[in-house]
Amino acid sequence: METKMIKHHCGLVVEITAHDRATLENDLNTAEDIARTRAMQERRHGILVTQHNHTTYTVAVSRDVPYGETHEHRDKSERTQAAAPGCGC
């Protein structure tokens, strides 16, 4: 059974949960496109892709990343719930 999920958090963060590689890659690409569109509108921040575990990632427009860049980060904490980095909520 395939399980996939994309959640939007406050317009700046997209959470991805997928259990197979093809879905994960597709959803990450989609989320990065969403974040890139938002970042290009604001022209101030870049994109941060964070791996929280093997099935959960967040893609966020982040003030910690220079405009025009995409950075990857692996969350090494024991959390299984994705955080919302860079979220201005």
PDB file of N, CA and C in Angstrom:
ATOM      1  N   MET A   1       0.839  -1.184   0.000  1.00  0.00           N
ATOM      2  CA  MET A   1       0.000   0.000   0.000  1.00  0.00           C
ATOM      3  C   MET A   1       0.881   1.243   0.000  1.00  0.00           C
ATOM      4  N   GLU A   2       0.653   2.130  -0.938  1.00  0.00           N
ATOM      5  CA  GLU A   2       1.430   3.355  -1.045  1.00  0.00           C
ATOM      6  C   GLU A   2       0.816   4.420  -0.167  1.00  0.00           C
ATOM      7  N   THR A   3       1.665   5.075   0.638  1.00  0.00           N
ATOM      8  CA  THR A   3       1.220   6.179   1.465  1.00  0.00           C
ATOM      9  C   THR A   3       2.072   7.377   1.117  1.00  0.00           C
ATOM     10  N   LYS A   4       1.428   8.481   0.789  1.00  0.00           N
ATOM     11  CA  LYS A   4       2.170   9.706   0.548  1.00  0.00           C
ATOM     12  C   LYS A   4       1.369  10.871   1.061  1.00  0.00           C
ATOM     13  N   MET A   5       2.096  11.926   1.399  1.00  0.00           N
ATOM     14  CA  MET A   5       1.405  13.064   1.950  1.00  0.00           C
ATOM     15  C   MET A   5       2.263  14.301   1.752  1.00  0.00           C
ATOM     16  N   ILE A   6       1.625  15.368   1.342  1.00  0.00           N
ATOM     17  CA  ILE A   6       2.271  16.677   1.309  1.00  0.00           C
ATOM     18  C   ILE A   6       1.387  17.611   2.120  1.00  0.00           C
ATOM     19  N   LYS A   7       1.975  18.252   3.135  1.00  0.00           N
ATOM     20  CA  LYS A   7       1.247  19.213   3.957  1.00  0.00           C
ATOM     21  C   LYS A   7       1.900  20.573   3.798  1.00  0.00           C
ATOM     22  N   HIS A   8       1.081  21.614   3.684  1.00  0.00           N
ATOM     23  CA  HIS A   8       1.584  22.980   3.628  1.00  0.00           C
ATOM     24  C   HIS A   8       1.431  23.583   5.019  1.00  0.00           C
ATOM     25  N   HIS A   9       2.486  24.253   5.498  1.00  0.00           N
ATOM     26  CA  HIS A   9       2.461  24.934   6.783  1.00  0.00           C
ATOM     27  C   HIS A   9       2.654  26.415   6.535  1.00  0.00           C
ATOM     28  N   CYS A  10       1.705  27.212   6.829  1.00  0.00           N
ATOM     29  CA  CYS A  10       1.737  28.682   6.794  1.00  0.00           C
ATOM     30  C   CYS A  10       2.330  29.253   5.504  1.00  0.00           C
ATOM     31  N   GLY A  11       2.218  28.537   4.398  1.00  0.00           N
ATOM     32  CA  GLY A  11       2.631  29.060   3.119  1.00  0.00           C
ATOM     33  C   GLY A  11       4.133  29.076   2.863  1.00  0.00           C
ATOM     34  N   LEU A  12       4.964  28.822   3.870  1.00  0.00           N
ATOM     35  CA  LEU A  12       6.401  28.872   3.702  1.00  0.00           C
ATOM     36  C   LEU A  12       7.077  27.508   3.831  1.00  0.00           C
ATOM     37  N   VAL A  13       6.393  26.528   4.377  1.00  0.00           N
ATOM     38  CA  VAL A  13       6.977  25.216   4.629  1.00  0.00           C
ATOM     39  C   VAL A  13       6.087  24.141   4.039  1.00  0.00           C
ATOM     40  N   VAL A  14       6.706  23.193   3.351  1.00  0.00           N
ATOM     41  CA  VAL A  14       5.975  22.045   2.820  1.00  0.00           C
ATOM     42  C   VAL A  14       6.556  20.800   3.484  1.00  0.00           C
ATOM     43  N   GLU A  15       5.696  19.994   4.085  1.00  0.00           N
ATOM     44  CA  GLU A  15       6.117  18.750   4.725  1.00  0.00           C
ATOM     45  C   GLU A  15       5.796  17.581   3.808  1.00  0.00           C
ATOM     46  N   ILE A  16       6.771  16.708   3.606  1.00  0.00           N
ATOM     47  CA  ILE A  16       6.596  15.553   2.730  1.00  0.00           C
ATOM     48  C   ILE A  16       6.782  14.284   3.539  1.00  0.00           C
ATOM     49  N   THR A  17       5.848  13.353   3.372  1.00  0.00           N
ATOM     50  CA  THR A  17       5.976  12.019   3.940  1.00  0.00           C
ATOM     51  C   THR A  17       5.693  11.037   2.823  1.00  0.00           C
ATOM     52  N   ALA A  18       6.660  10.171   2.532  1.00  0.00           N
ATOM     53  CA  ALA A  18       6.492   9.177   1.476  1.00  0.00           C
ATOM     54  C   ALA A  18       7.276   7.927   1.855  1.00  0.00           C
ATOM     55  N   HIS A  19       6.760   6.775   1.446  1.00  0.00           N
ATOM     56  CA  HIS A  19       7.379   5.509   1.832  1.00  0.00           C
ATOM     57  C   HIS A  19       8.022   4.768   0.672  1.00  0.00           C
ATOM     58  N   ASP A  20       8.058   5.380  -0.509  1.00  0.00           N
ATOM     59  CA  ASP A  20       8.794   4.767  -1.617  1.00  0.00           C
ATOM     60  C   ASP A  20       9.594   5.859  -2.319  1.00  0.00           C
ATOM     61  N   ARG A  21      10.709   5.457  -2.895  1.00  0.00           N
ATOM     62  CA  ARG A  21      11.676   6.406  -3.460  1.00  0.00           C
ATOM     63  C   ARG A  21      11.102   7.265  -4.586  1.00  0.00           C
ATOM     64  N   ALA A  22      10.339   6.661  -5.482  1.00  0.00           N
ATOM     65  CA  ALA A  22       9.787   7.417  -6.617  1.00  0.00           C
ATOM     66  C   ALA A  22       8.847   8.522  -6.136  1.00  0.00           C
ATOM     67  N   THR A  23       7.978   8.189  -5.197  1.00  0.00           N
ATOM     68  CA  THR A  23       7.047   9.187  -4.658  1.00  0.00           C
ATOM     69  C   THR A  23       7.804  10.267  -3.918  1.00  0.00           C
ATOM     70  N   LEU A  24       8.792   9.858  -3.138  1.00  0.00           N
ATOM     71  CA  LEU A  24       9.586  10.815  -2.383  1.00  0.00           C
ATOM     72  C   LEU A  24      10.280  11.809  -3.318  1.00  0.00           C
ATOM     73  N   GLU A  25      10.931  11.320  -4.343  1.00  0.00           N
ATOM     74  CA  GLU A  25      11.622  12.203  -5.295  1.00  0.00           C
ATOM     75  C   GLU A  25      10.645  13.143  -5.991  1.00  0.00           C
ATOM     76  N   ASN A  26       9.509  12.610  -6.416  1.00  0.00           N
ATOM     77  CA  ASN A  26       8.499  13.432  -7.081  1.00  0.00           C
ATOM     78  C   ASN A  26       7.972  14.518  -6.135  1.00  0.00           C
ATOM     79  N   ASP A  27       7.649  14.129  -4.907  1.00  0.00           N
ATOM     80  CA  ASP A  27       7.102  15.088  -3.951  1.00  0.00           C
ATOM     81  C   ASP A  27       8.137  16.135  -3.539  1.00  0.00           C
ATOM     82  N   LEU A  28       9.404  15.720  -3.393  1.00  0.00           N
ATOM     83  CA  LEU A  28      10.452  16.691  -3.073  1.00  0.00           C
ATOM     84  C   LEU A  28      10.624  17.707  -4.206  1.00  0.00           C
ATOM     85  N   ASN A  29      10.599  17.237  -5.436  1.00  0.00           N
ATOM     86  CA  ASN A  29      10.704  18.154  -6.582  1.00  0.00           C
ATOM     87  C   ASN A  29       9.534  19.119  -6.630  1.00  0.00           C
ATOM     88  N   THR A  30       8.329  18.614  -6.376  1.00  0.00           N
ATOM     89  CA  THR A  30       7.140  19.463  -6.354  1.00  0.00           C
ATOM     90  C   THR A  30       7.238  20.500  -5.243  1.00  0.00           C
ATOM     91  N   ALA A  31       7.646  20.062  -4.061  1.00  0.00           N
ATOM     92  CA  ALA A  31       7.770  20.971  -2.920  1.00  0.00           C
ATOM     93  C   ALA A  31       8.827  22.039  -3.177  1.00  0.00           C
ATOM     94  N   GLU A  32       9.933  21.651  -3.799  1.00  0.00           N
ATOM     95  CA  GLU A  32      10.979  22.633  -4.106  1.00  0.00           C
ATOM     96  C   GLU A  32      10.480  23.655  -5.128  1.00  0.00           C
ATOM     97  N   ASP A  33       9.687  23.204  -6.095  1.00  0.00           N
ATOM     98  CA  ASP A  33       9.095  24.144  -7.063  1.00  0.00           C
ATOM     99  C   ASP A  33       8.177  25.140  -6.362  1.00  0.00           C
ATOM    100  N   ILE A  34       7.377  24.660  -5.417  1.00  0.00           N
ATOM    101  CA  ILE A  34       6.477  25.530  -4.647  1.00  0.00           C
ATOM    102  C   ILE A  34       7.299  26.549  -3.865  1.00  0.00           C
ATOM    103  N   ALA A  35       8.335  26.075  -3.167  1.00  0.00           N
ATOM    104  CA  ALA A  35       9.179  26.964  -2.364  1.00  0.00           C
ATOM    105  C   ALA A  35       9.929  27.958  -3.247  1.00  0.00           C
ATOM    106  N   ARG A  36      10.424  27.504  -4.390  1.00  0.00           N
ATOM    107  CA  ARG A  36      11.158  28.392  -5.294  1.00  0.00           C
ATOM    108  C   ARG A  36      10.255  29.526  -5.783  1.00  0.00           C
ATOM    109  N   THR A  37       9.014  29.195  -6.134  1.00  0.00           N
ATOM    110  CA  THR A  37       8.066  30.223  -6.579  1.00  0.00           C
ATOM    111  C   THR A  37       7.873  31.274  -5.495  1.00  0.00           C
ATOM    112  N   ARG A  38       7.700  30.818  -4.253  1.00  0.00           N
ATOM    113  CA  ARG A  38       7.515  31.741  -3.129  1.00  0.00           C
ATOM    114  C   ARG A  38       8.779  32.580  -2.892  1.00  0.00           C
ATOM    115  N   ALA A  39       9.939  31.928  -2.927  1.00  0.00           N
ATOM    116  CA  ALA A  39      11.198  32.644  -2.696  1.00  0.00           C
ATOM    117  C   ALA A  39      11.431  33.692  -3.781  1.00  0.00           C
ATOM    118  N   MET A  40      11.086  33.377  -5.007  1.00  0.00           N
ATOM    119  CA  MET A  40      11.279  34.324  -6.110  1.00  0.00           C
ATOM    120  C   MET A  40      10.350  35.526  -5.975  1.00  0.00           C
ATOM    121  N   GLN A  41       9.173  35.319  -5.404  1.00  0.00           N
ATOM    122  CA  GLN A  41       8.254  36.437  -5.189  1.00  0.00           C
ATOM    123  C   GLN A  41       8.821  37.410  -4.154  1.00  0.00           C
ATOM    124  N   GLU A  42       9.423  36.849  -3.089  1.00  0.00           N
ATOM    125  CA  GLU A  42       9.932  37.680  -1.994  1.00  0.00           C
ATOM    126  C   GLU A  42      11.334  38.209  -2.260  1.00  0.00           C
ATOM    127  N   ARG A  43      12.147  37.429  -3.003  1.00  0.00           N
ATOM    128  CA  ARG A  43      13.522  37.807  -3.351  1.00  0.00           C
ATOM    129  C   ARG A  43      14.390  38.149  -2.136  1.00  0.00           C
ATOM    130  N   ARG A  44      14.179  37.427  -1.036  1.00  0.00           N
ATOM    131  CA  ARG A  44      14.982  37.677   0.163  1.00  0.00           C
ATOM    132  C   ARG A  44      15.622  36.423   0.729  1.00  0.00           C
ATOM    133  N   HIS A  45      14.999  35.277   0.540  1.00  0.00           N
ATOM    134  CA  HIS A  45      15.449  34.057   1.204  1.00  0.00           C
ATOM    135  C   HIS A  45      15.602  32.921   0.197  1.00  0.00           C
ATOM    136  N   GLY A  46      16.379  31.916   0.607  1.00  0.00           N
ATOM    137  CA  GLY A  46      16.567  30.728  -0.208  1.00  0.00           C
ATOM    138  C   GLY A  46      15.724  29.576   0.306  1.00  0.00           C
ATOM    139  N   ILE A  47      16.079  28.372  -0.124  1.00  0.00           N
ATOM    140  CA  ILE A  47      15.290  27.174   0.189  1.00  0.00           C
ATOM    141  C   ILE A  47      16.118  26.232   1.049  1.00  0.00           C
ATOM    142  N   LEU A  48      15.501  25.724   2.104  1.00  0.00           N
ATOM    143  CA  LEU A  48      16.130  24.747   2.985  1.00  0.00           C
ATOM    144  C   LEU A  48      15.343  23.445   2.920  1.00  0.00           C
ATOM    145  N   VAL A  49      16.028  22.365   2.513  1.00  0.00           N
ATOM    146  CA  VAL A  49      15.426  21.028   2.468  1.00  0.00           C
ATOM    147  C   VAL A  49      15.996  20.258   3.656  1.00  0.00           C
ATOM    148  N   THR A  50      15.130  19.810   4.559  1.00  0.00           N
ATOM    149  CA  THR A  50      15.572  19.102   5.758  1.00  0.00           C
ATOM    150  C   THR A  50      15.020  17.692   5.769  1.00  0.00           C
ATOM    151  N   GLN A  51      15.916  16.718   5.947  1.00  0.00           N
ATOM    152  CA  GLN A  51      15.509  15.325   6.113  1.00  0.00           C
ATOM    153  C   GLN A  51      15.378  15.074   7.606  1.00  0.00           C
ATOM    154  N   HIS A  52      14.172  14.707   8.049  1.00  0.00           N
ATOM    155  CA  HIS A  52      13.917  14.452   9.465  1.00  0.00           C
ATOM    156  C   HIS A  52      14.082  12.972   9.795  1.00  0.00           C
ATOM    157  N   ASN A  53      13.723  12.119   8.858  1.00  0.00           N
ATOM    158  CA  ASN A  53      13.948  10.683   8.959  1.00  0.00           C
ATOM    159  C   ASN A  53      13.857  10.124   7.545  1.00  0.00           C
ATOM    160  N   HIS A  54      13.816   8.812   7.392  1.00  0.00           N
ATOM    161  CA  HIS A  54      13.842   8.224   6.047  1.00  0.00           C
ATOM    162  C   HIS A  54      12.600   8.528   5.215  1.00  0.00           C
ATOM    163  N   THR A  55      11.512   8.904   5.850  1.00  0.00           N
ATOM    164  CA  THR A  55      10.265   9.124   5.115  1.00  0.00           C
ATOM    165  C   THR A  55       9.716  10.545   5.213  1.00  0.00           C
ATOM    166  N   THR A  56      10.309  11.387   6.050  1.00  0.00           N
ATOM    167  CA  THR A  56       9.759  12.717   6.292  1.00  0.00           C
ATOM    168  C   THR A  56      10.794  13.800   6.032  1.00  0.00           C
ATOM    169  N   TYR A  57      10.411  14.763   5.214  1.00  0.00           N
ATOM    170  CA  TYR A  57      11.245  15.907   4.863  1.00  0.00           C
ATOM    171  C   TYR A  57      10.407  17.173   4.982  1.00  0.00           C
ATOM    172  N   THR A  58      11.074  18.308   5.163  1.00  0.00           N
ATOM    173  CA  THR A  58      10.415  19.602   4.990  1.00  0.00           C
ATOM    174  C   THR A  58      11.205  20.394   3.961  1.00  0.00           C
ATOM    175  N   VAL A  59      10.488  21.182   3.198  1.00  0.00           N
ATOM    176  CA  VAL A  59      11.085  22.105   2.236  1.00  0.00           C
ATOM    177  C   VAL A  59      10.547  23.476   2.617  1.00  0.00           C
ATOM    178  N   ALA A  60      11.465  24.411   2.913  1.00  0.00           N
ATOM    179  CA  ALA A  60      11.036  25.704   3.438  1.00  0.00           C
ATOM    180  C   ALA A  60      11.768  26.848   2.782  1.00  0.00           C
ATOM    181  N   VAL A  61      11.077  27.968   2.642  1.00  0.00           N
ATOM    182  CA  VAL A  61      11.739  29.223   2.330  1.00  0.00           C
ATOM    183  C   VAL A  61      12.328  29.675   3.664  1.00  0.00           C
ATOM    184  N   SER A  62      13.665  29.828   3.702  1.00  0.00           N
ATOM    185  CA  SER A  62      14.344  30.066   4.968  1.00  0.00           C
ATOM    186  C   SER A  62      15.207  31.314   4.928  1.00  0.00           C
ATOM    187  N   ARG A  63      15.108  32.114   5.968  1.00  0.00           N
ATOM    188  CA  ARG A  63      15.955  33.309   6.077  1.00  0.00           C
ATOM    189  C   ARG A  63      17.409  32.937   6.328  1.00  0.00           C
ATOM    190  N   ASP A  64      17.674  31.658   6.669  1.00  0.00           N
ATOM    191  CA  ASP A  64      19.041  31.198   6.915  1.00  0.00           C
ATOM    192  C   ASP A  64      19.777  30.812   5.631  1.00  0.00           C
ATOM    193  N   VAL A  65      19.086  30.850   4.503  1.00  0.00           N
ATOM    194  CA  VAL A  65      19.675  30.468   3.215  1.00  0.00           C
ATOM    195  C   VAL A  65      19.634  31.687   2.297  1.00  0.00           C
ATOM    196  N   PRO A  66      20.767  32.028   1.683  1.00  0.00           N
ATOM    197  CA  PRO A  66      20.786  33.188   0.777  1.00  0.00           C
ATOM    198  C   PRO A  66      19.834  33.005  -0.409  1.00  0.00           C
ATOM    199  N   TYR A  67      19.263  34.109  -0.850  1.00  0.00           N
ATOM    200  CA  TYR A  67      18.362  34.087  -1.999  1.00  0.00           C
ATOM    201  C   TYR A  67      19.071  33.458  -3.199  1.00  0.00           C
ATOM    202  N   GLY A  68      18.357  32.604  -3.904  1.00  0.00           N
ATOM    203  CA  GLY A  68      18.896  31.957  -5.094  1.00  0.00           C
ATOM    204  C   GLY A  68      19.600  30.637  -4.819  1.00  0.00           C
ATOM    205  N   GLU A  69      19.695  30.249  -3.539  1.00  0.00           N
ATOM    206  CA  GLU A  69      20.371  29.003  -3.176  1.00  0.00           C
ATOM    207  C   GLU A  69      19.403  28.025  -2.530  1.00  0.00           C
ATOM    208  N   THR A  70      19.745  26.730  -2.650  1.00  0.00           N
ATOM    209  CA  THR A  70      19.021  25.660  -1.961  1.00  0.00           C
ATOM    210  C   THR A  70      20.035  24.901  -1.129  1.00  0.00           C
ATOM    211  N   HIS A  71      19.781  24.799   0.170  1.00  0.00           N
ATOM    212  CA  HIS A  71      20.653  24.055   1.069  1.00  0.00           C
ATOM    213  C   HIS A  71      19.928  22.813   1.567  1.00  0.00           C
ATOM    214  N   GLU A  72      20.700  21.760   1.795  1.00  0.00           N
ATOM    215  CA  GLU A  72      20.155  20.520   2.347  1.00  0.00           C
ATOM    216  C   GLU A  72      20.677  20.340   3.760  1.00  0.00           C
ATOM    217  N   HIS A  73      19.820  19.793   4.624  1.00  0.00           N
ATOM    218  CA  HIS A  73      20.178  19.583   6.022  1.00  0.00           C
ATOM    219  C   HIS A  73      19.600  18.256   6.480  1.00  0.00           C
ATOM    220  N   ARG A  74      20.361  17.499   7.238  1.00  0.00           N
ATOM    221  CA  ARG A  74      19.866  16.258   7.827  1.00  0.00           C
ATOM    222  C   ARG A  74      19.692  16.488   9.319  1.00  0.00           C
ATOM    223  N   ASP A  75      18.455  16.400   9.786  1.00  0.00           N
ATOM    224  CA  ASP A  75      18.132  16.570  11.200  1.00  0.00           C
ATOM    225  C   ASP A  75      18.608  15.326  11.935  1.00  0.00           C
ATOM    226  N   LYS A  76      19.579  15.487  12.819  1.00  0.00           N
ATOM    227  CA  LYS A  76      20.158  14.341  13.519  1.00  0.00           C
ATOM    228  C   LYS A  76      19.539  14.097  14.880  1.00  0.00           C
ATOM    229  N   SER A  77      18.525  14.874  15.245  1.00  0.00           N
ATOM    230  CA  SER A  77      17.869  14.666  16.530  1.00  0.00           C
ATOM    231  C   SER A  77      16.963  13.446  16.459  1.00  0.00           C
ATOM    232  N   GLU A  78      16.418  13.073  17.565  1.00  0.00           N
ATOM    233  CA  GLU A  78      15.562  11.891  17.644  1.00  0.00           C
ATOM    234  C   GLU A  78      14.119  12.198  17.262  1.00  0.00           C
ATOM    235  N   ARG A  79      13.848  13.432  16.869  1.00  0.00           N
ATOM    236  CA  ARG A  79      12.472  13.793  16.530  1.00  0.00           C
ATOM    237  C   ARG A  79      11.989  13.009  15.323  1.00  0.00           C
ATOM    238  N   THR A  80      10.739  12.610  15.365  1.00  0.00           N
ATOM    239  CA  THR A  80      10.129  11.995  14.201  1.00  0.00           C
ATOM    240  C   THR A  80       9.110  12.927  13.584  1.00  0.00           C
ATOM    241  N   GLN A  81       8.739  13.956  14.307  1.00  0.00           N
ATOM    242  CA  GLN A  81       7.786  14.934  13.802  1.00  0.00           C
ATOM    243  C   GLN A  81       8.570  16.062  13.148  1.00  0.00           C
ATOM    244  N   ALA A  82       8.202  16.450  11.955  1.00  0.00           N
ATOM    245  CA  ALA A  82       8.907  17.492  11.221  1.00  0.00           C
ATOM    246  C   ALA A  82       8.641  18.857  11.851  1.00  0.00           C
ATOM    247  N   ALA A  83       9.696  19.624  11.958  1.00  0.00           N
ATOM    248  CA  ALA A  83       9.586  20.992  12.438  1.00  0.00           C
ATOM    249  C   ALA A  83       9.265  21.906  11.276  1.00  0.00           C
ATOM    250  N   ALA A  84       9.051  23.155  11.573  1.00  0.00           N
ATOM    251  CA  ALA A  84       8.746  24.115  10.523  1.00  0.00           C
ATOM    252  C   ALA A  84       9.813  25.199  10.515  1.00  0.00           C
ATOM    253  N   PRO A  85      11.008  24.912   9.967  1.00  0.00           N
ATOM    254  CA  PRO A  85      12.083  25.910   9.969  1.00  0.00           C
ATOM    255  C   PRO A  85      11.736  27.103   9.096  1.00  0.00           C
ATOM    256  N   GLY A  86      12.098  28.270   9.590  1.00  0.00           N
ATOM    257  CA  GLY A  86      11.898  29.473   8.800  1.00  0.00           C
ATOM    258  C   GLY A  86      10.446  29.927   8.744  1.00  0.00           C
ATOM    259  N   CYS A  87       9.588  29.275   9.455  1.00  0.00           N
ATOM    260  CA  CYS A  87       8.171  29.614   9.419  1.00  0.00           C
ATOM    261  C   CYS A  87       7.916  30.878  10.216  1.00  0.00           C
ATOM    262  N   GLY A  88       7.228  31.814   9.623  1.00  0.00           N
ATOM    263  CA  GLY A  88       6.944  33.064  10.286  1.00  0.00           C
ATOM    264  C   GLY A  88       5.589  33.080  10.965  1.00  0.00           C
ATOM    265  N   CYS A  89       5.051  31.935  11.321  1.00  0.00           N
ATOM    266  CA  CYS A  89       3.718  31.869  11.937  1.00  0.00           C
ATOM    267  C   CYS A  89       3.745  32.432  13.347  1.00  0.00           C
TER     268      CYS A  89
END
